[in-house]
Amino acid sequence: MTLIRWNPARAQSADTFQNEVDRLFQSVLAPSTGKPNSNLTPAVDIEETKESFVFRADLPGVKPEDVKVSIEADTLSLRGERRAVHSGTDASTRRVERAFGTFERQFTFNTPVQADAIVAAYRDGVLEVTVPKAETAKAREIQIKVG
């Protein structure tokens, strides 16, 4: 029986090679949607204060008129579309890495909110949605009676 010394560097490179081969087959055999890189999921930061929830979504390249914000019951929905940009010349596309297509993100609140007081603003490719909490959801201090 022959003993072979284990080399962590060699084991890692074998794993890396296997991962690369798996990635290659997945990209070749994956069903095509007809749209290069059409998986668009904008990043969203959520901040909670005593008075409200603030959502900030990165939407570079998306026109404000292509974004819809709605609320139904306790769920806030952000929907929109980033359209593909074509140069309009006879140039051929060599690579498409930027995501485009439609997107939808939904967020459910665990506290009551004031749906009629929601404010949305769009600036520099960032959508900011402020959702005020309902009076019943706001924290308040209760006085202790001594007696």
C-alpha atoms as a PDB file:
ATOM      1  CA  MET A   1       0.000   0.000   0.000  1.00  0.00           C
ATOM      2  CA  THR A   2       1.320   3.422  -0.947  1.00  0.00           C
ATOM      3  CA  LEU A   3       0.726   6.430   1.274  1.00  0.00           C
ATOM      4  CA  ILE A   4       0.218   9.773  -0.383  1.00  0.00           C
ATOM      5  CA  ARG A   5       0.870  12.894   1.620  1.00  0.00           C
ATOM      6  CA  TRP A   6      -2.194  15.182   1.781  1.00  0.00           C
ATOM      7  CA  ASN A   7      -1.527  18.599   0.337  1.00  0.00           C
ATOM      8  CA  PRO A   8      -4.188  21.222   1.221  1.00  0.00           C
ATOM      9  CA  ALA A   9      -3.154  23.434  -1.705  1.00  0.00           C
ATOM     10  CA  ARG A  10      -3.685  20.592  -4.167  1.00  0.00           C
ATOM     11  CA  ALA A  11      -7.028  19.650  -2.573  1.00  0.00           C
ATOM     12  CA  GLN A  12      -8.214  23.237  -2.822  1.00  0.00           C
ATOM     13  CA  SER A  13      -7.201  23.527  -6.469  1.00  0.00           C
ATOM     14  CA  ALA A  14      -9.102  20.315  -7.257  1.00  0.00           C
ATOM     15  CA  ASP A  15     -12.198  21.749  -5.573  1.00  0.00           C
ATOM     16  CA  THR A  16     -11.770  25.017  -7.432  1.00  0.00           C
ATOM     17  CA  PHE A  17     -11.412  23.169 -10.729  1.00  0.00           C
ATOM     18  CA  GLN A  18     -14.559  21.132 -10.008  1.00  0.00           C
ATOM     19  CA  ASN A  19     -16.501  24.309  -9.136  1.00  0.00           C
ATOM     20  CA  GLU A  20     -15.390  25.951 -12.385  1.00  0.00           C
ATOM     21  CA  VAL A  21     -16.436  22.894 -14.410  1.00  0.00           C
ATOM     22  CA  ASP A  22     -19.832  22.843 -12.642  1.00  0.00           C
ATOM     23  CA  ARG A  23     -20.306  26.573 -13.331  1.00  0.00           C
ATOM     24  CA  LEU A  24     -19.432  26.081 -16.997  1.00  0.00           C
ATOM     25  CA  PHE A  25     -21.986  23.288 -17.456  1.00  0.00           C
ATOM     26  CA  GLN A  26     -24.663  25.218 -15.605  1.00  0.00           C
ATOM     27  CA  SER A  27     -24.174  28.257 -17.824  1.00  0.00           C
ATOM     28  CA  VAL A  28     -24.217  26.195 -21.032  1.00  0.00           C
ATOM     29  CA  LEU A  29     -27.105  23.899 -20.111  1.00  0.00           C
ATOM     30  CA  ALA A  30     -29.292  26.493 -18.363  1.00  0.00           C
ATOM     31  CA  PRO A  31     -32.522  27.273 -20.215  1.00  0.00           C
ATOM     32  CA  SER A  32     -32.319  30.541 -22.106  1.00  0.00           C
ATOM     33  CA  THR A  33     -34.855  33.273 -21.352  1.00  0.00           C
ATOM     34  CA  GLY A  34     -34.047  35.123 -24.544  1.00  0.00           C
ATOM     35  CA  LYS A  35     -32.704  38.024 -22.500  1.00  0.00           C
ATOM     36  CA  PRO A  36     -29.035  38.070 -21.589  1.00  0.00           C
ATOM     37  CA  ASN A  37     -28.559  38.498 -17.835  1.00  0.00           C
ATOM     38  CA  SER A  38     -32.233  39.201 -17.145  1.00  0.00           C
ATOM     39  CA  ASN A  39     -32.085  38.358 -13.441  1.00  0.00           C
ATOM     40  CA  LEU A  40     -32.499  41.783 -11.846  1.00  0.00           C
ATOM     41  CA  THR A  41     -32.967  42.018  -8.097  1.00  0.00           C
ATOM     42  CA  PRO A  42     -32.212  45.491  -6.761  1.00  0.00           C
ATOM     43  CA  ALA A  43     -30.442  45.771  -3.414  1.00  0.00           C
ATOM     44  CA  VAL A  44     -32.614  47.302  -0.675  1.00  0.00           C
ATOM     45  CA  ASP A  45     -31.585  48.709   2.705  1.00  0.00           C
ATOM     46  CA  ILE A  46     -34.276  48.905   5.397  1.00  0.00           C
ATOM     47  CA  GLU A  47     -33.992  51.227   8.360  1.00  0.00           C
ATOM     48  CA  GLU A  48     -36.456  51.295  11.256  1.00  0.00           C
ATOM     49  CA  THR A  49     -36.875  54.317  13.491  1.00  0.00           C
ATOM     50  CA  LYS A  50     -39.378  55.006  16.258  1.00  0.00           C
ATOM     51  CA  GLU A  51     -41.642  56.772  13.777  1.00  0.00           C
ATOM     52  CA  SER A  52     -41.201  54.933  10.478  1.00  0.00           C
ATOM     53  CA  PHE A  53     -39.571  52.396   8.177  1.00  0.00           C
ATOM     54  CA  VAL A  54     -37.259  53.742   5.462  1.00  0.00           C
ATOM     55  CA  PHE A  55     -36.513  51.643   2.373  1.00  0.00           C
ATOM     56  CA  ARG A  56     -33.650  52.581   0.038  1.00  0.00           C
ATOM     57  CA  ALA A  57     -33.423  50.664  -3.238  1.00  0.00           C
ATOM     58  CA  ASP A  58     -30.523  50.953  -5.682  1.00  0.00           C
ATOM     59  CA  LEU A  59     -32.030  51.389  -9.146  1.00  0.00           C
ATOM     60  CA  PRO A  60     -29.303  52.822 -11.397  1.00  0.00           C
ATOM     61  CA  GLY A  61     -30.404  53.242 -14.977  1.00  0.00           C
ATOM     62  CA  VAL A  62     -34.100  52.908 -14.109  1.00  0.00           C
ATOM     63  CA  LYS A  63     -36.321  55.870 -14.988  1.00  0.00           C
ATOM     64  CA  PRO A  64     -38.662  57.065 -12.208  1.00  0.00           C
ATOM     65  CA  GLU A  65     -41.671  56.536 -14.485  1.00  0.00           C
ATOM     66  CA  ASP A  66     -40.688  52.851 -14.800  1.00  0.00           C
ATOM     67  CA  VAL A  67     -41.027  52.277 -11.025  1.00  0.00           C
ATOM     68  CA  LYS A  68     -44.270  51.562  -9.150  1.00  0.00           C
ATOM     69  CA  VAL A  69     -44.647  51.586  -5.362  1.00  0.00           C
ATOM     70  CA  SER A  70     -47.816  50.145  -3.819  1.00  0.00           C
ATOM     71  CA  ILE A  71     -49.103  48.835  -0.522  1.00  0.00           C
ATOM     72  CA  GLU A  72     -51.788  46.242   0.047  1.00  0.00           C
ATOM     73  CA  ALA A  73     -52.738  45.233   3.576  1.00  0.00           C
ATOM     74  CA  ASP A  74     -49.364  44.901   5.349  1.00  0.00           C
ATOM     75  CA  THR A  75     -47.184  44.347   2.248  1.00  0.00           C
ATOM     76  CA  LEU A  76     -45.154  47.014   0.439  1.00  0.00           C
ATOM     77  CA  SER A  77     -44.344  46.246  -3.220  1.00  0.00           C
ATOM     78  CA  LEU A  78     -41.629  47.797  -5.369  1.00  0.00           C
ATOM     79  CA  ARG A  79     -41.982  46.970  -9.076  1.00  0.00           C
ATOM     80  CA  GLY A  80     -40.220  48.246 -12.132  1.00  0.00           C
ATOM     81  CA  GLU A  81     -38.218  47.622 -15.231  1.00  0.00           C
ATOM     82  CA  ARG A  82     -34.699  48.415 -16.363  1.00  0.00           C
ATOM     83  CA  ARG A  83     -34.674  48.505 -20.131  1.00  0.00           C
ATOM     84  CA  ALA A  84     -31.763  47.288 -22.227  1.00  0.00           C
ATOM     85  CA  VAL A  85     -29.775  50.036 -23.909  1.00  0.00           C
ATOM     86  CA  HIS A  86     -28.977  49.574 -27.582  1.00  0.00           C
ATOM     87  CA  SER A  87     -26.598  51.904 -29.386  1.00  0.00           C
ATOM     88  CA  GLY A  88     -28.761  51.971 -32.504  1.00  0.00           C
ATOM     89  CA  THR A  89     -25.757  51.522 -34.761  1.00  0.00           C
ATOM     90  CA  ASP A  90     -24.667  48.484 -36.708  1.00  0.00           C
ATOM     91  CA  ALA A  91     -22.290  47.457 -33.880  1.00  0.00           C
ATOM     92  CA  SER A  92     -22.594  43.921 -32.549  1.00  0.00           C
ATOM     93  CA  THR A  93     -22.797  43.203 -28.848  1.00  0.00           C
ATOM     94  CA  ARG A  94     -19.776  41.305 -27.525  1.00  0.00           C
ATOM     95  CA  ARG A  95     -20.781  40.928 -23.885  1.00  0.00           C
ATOM     96  CA  VAL A  96     -23.778  41.772 -21.693  1.00  0.00           C
ATOM     97  CA  GLU A  97     -23.065  41.834 -17.957  1.00  0.00           C
ATOM     98  CA  ARG A  98     -25.504  44.474 -16.726  1.00  0.00           C
ATOM     99  CA  ALA A  99     -28.815  43.047 -15.578  1.00  0.00           C
ATOM    100  CA  PHE A 100     -32.016  44.289 -17.167  1.00  0.00           C
ATOM    101  CA  GLY A 101     -35.645  43.279 -17.200  1.00  0.00           C
ATOM    102  CA  THR A 102     -38.515  43.508 -14.765  1.00  0.00           C
ATOM    103  CA  PHE A 103     -38.167  43.243 -11.013  1.00  0.00           C
ATOM    104  CA  GLU A 104     -40.413  43.033  -7.973  1.00  0.00           C
ATOM    105  CA  ARG A 105     -39.552  43.151  -4.290  1.00  0.00           C
ATOM    106  CA  GLN A 106     -42.151  42.741  -1.527  1.00  0.00           C
ATOM    107  CA  PHE A 107     -41.797  43.515   2.172  1.00  0.00           C
ATOM    108  CA  THR A 108     -44.265  42.574   4.903  1.00  0.00           C
ATOM    109  CA  PHE A 109     -44.557  44.693   8.031  1.00  0.00           C
ATOM    110  CA  ASN A 110     -44.836  43.183  11.481  1.00  0.00           C
ATOM    111  CA  THR A 111     -46.387  46.377  12.881  1.00  0.00           C
ATOM    112  CA  PRO A 112     -49.315  48.554  11.714  1.00  0.00           C
ATOM    113  CA  VAL A 113     -48.374  51.371   9.314  1.00  0.00           C
ATOM    114  CA  GLN A 114     -50.084  54.496   7.946  1.00  0.00           C
ATOM    115  CA  ALA A 115     -50.666  53.512   4.311  1.00  0.00           C
ATOM    116  CA  ASP A 116     -52.061  56.933   3.374  1.00  0.00           C
ATOM    117  CA  ALA A 117     -48.911  58.779   4.542  1.00  0.00           C
ATOM    118  CA  ILE A 118     -46.267  56.851   2.565  1.00  0.00           C
ATOM    119  CA  VAL A 119     -43.780  59.083   0.729  1.00  0.00           C
ATOM    120  CA  ALA A 120     -41.509  57.983  -2.136  1.00  0.00           C
ATOM    121  CA  ALA A 121     -38.618  59.996  -3.589  1.00  0.00           C
ATOM    122  CA  TYR A 122     -36.142  59.153  -6.371  1.00  0.00           C
ATOM    123  CA  ARG A 123     -32.721  60.771  -6.562  1.00  0.00           C
ATOM    124  CA  ASP A 124     -29.401  59.748  -8.137  1.00  0.00           C
ATOM    125  CA  GLY A 125     -30.589  56.216  -8.917  1.00  0.00           C
ATOM    126  CA  VAL A 126     -31.834  55.550  -5.373  1.00  0.00           C
ATOM    127  CA  LEU A 127     -35.510  55.121  -4.533  1.00  0.00           C
ATOM    128  CA  GLU A 128     -36.319  56.079  -0.932  1.00  0.00           C
ATOM    129  CA  VAL A 129     -39.699  55.063   0.470  1.00  0.00           C
ATOM    130  CA  THR A 130     -40.713  56.270   3.947  1.00  0.00           C
ATOM    131  CA  VAL A 131     -43.525  54.325   5.602  1.00  0.00           C
ATOM    132  CA  PRO A 132     -44.761  55.933   8.845  1.00  0.00           C
ATOM    133  CA  LYS A 133     -45.830  53.648  11.670  1.00  0.00           C
ATOM    134  CA  ALA A 134     -49.395  53.838  12.946  1.00  0.00           C
ATOM    135  CA  GLU A 135     -49.884  55.547  16.305  1.00  0.00           C
ATOM    136  CA  THR A 136     -50.677  52.200  17.929  1.00  0.00           C
ATOM    137  CA  ALA A 137     -47.315  50.805  16.780  1.00  0.00           C
ATOM    138  CA  LYS A 138     -45.154  53.624  18.129  1.00  0.00           C
ATOM    139  CA  ALA A 139     -43.353  52.966  21.369  1.00  0.00           C
ATOM    140  CA  ARG A 140     -44.352  55.194  24.255  1.00  0.00           C
ATOM    141  CA  GLU A 141     -43.321  55.550  27.826  1.00  0.00           C
ATOM    142  CA  ILE A 142     -45.827  54.700  30.546  1.00  0.00           C
ATOM    143  CA  GLN A 143     -45.778  56.628  33.800  1.00  0.00           C
ATOM    144  CA  ILE A 144     -45.671  54.539  36.988  1.00  0.00           C
ATOM    145  CA  LYS A 145     -48.042  55.667  39.732  1.00  0.00           C
ATOM    146  CA  VAL A 146     -46.757  55.439  43.259  1.00  0.00           C
ATOM    147  CA  GLY A 147     -49.418  54.664  45.657  1.00  0.00           C
END
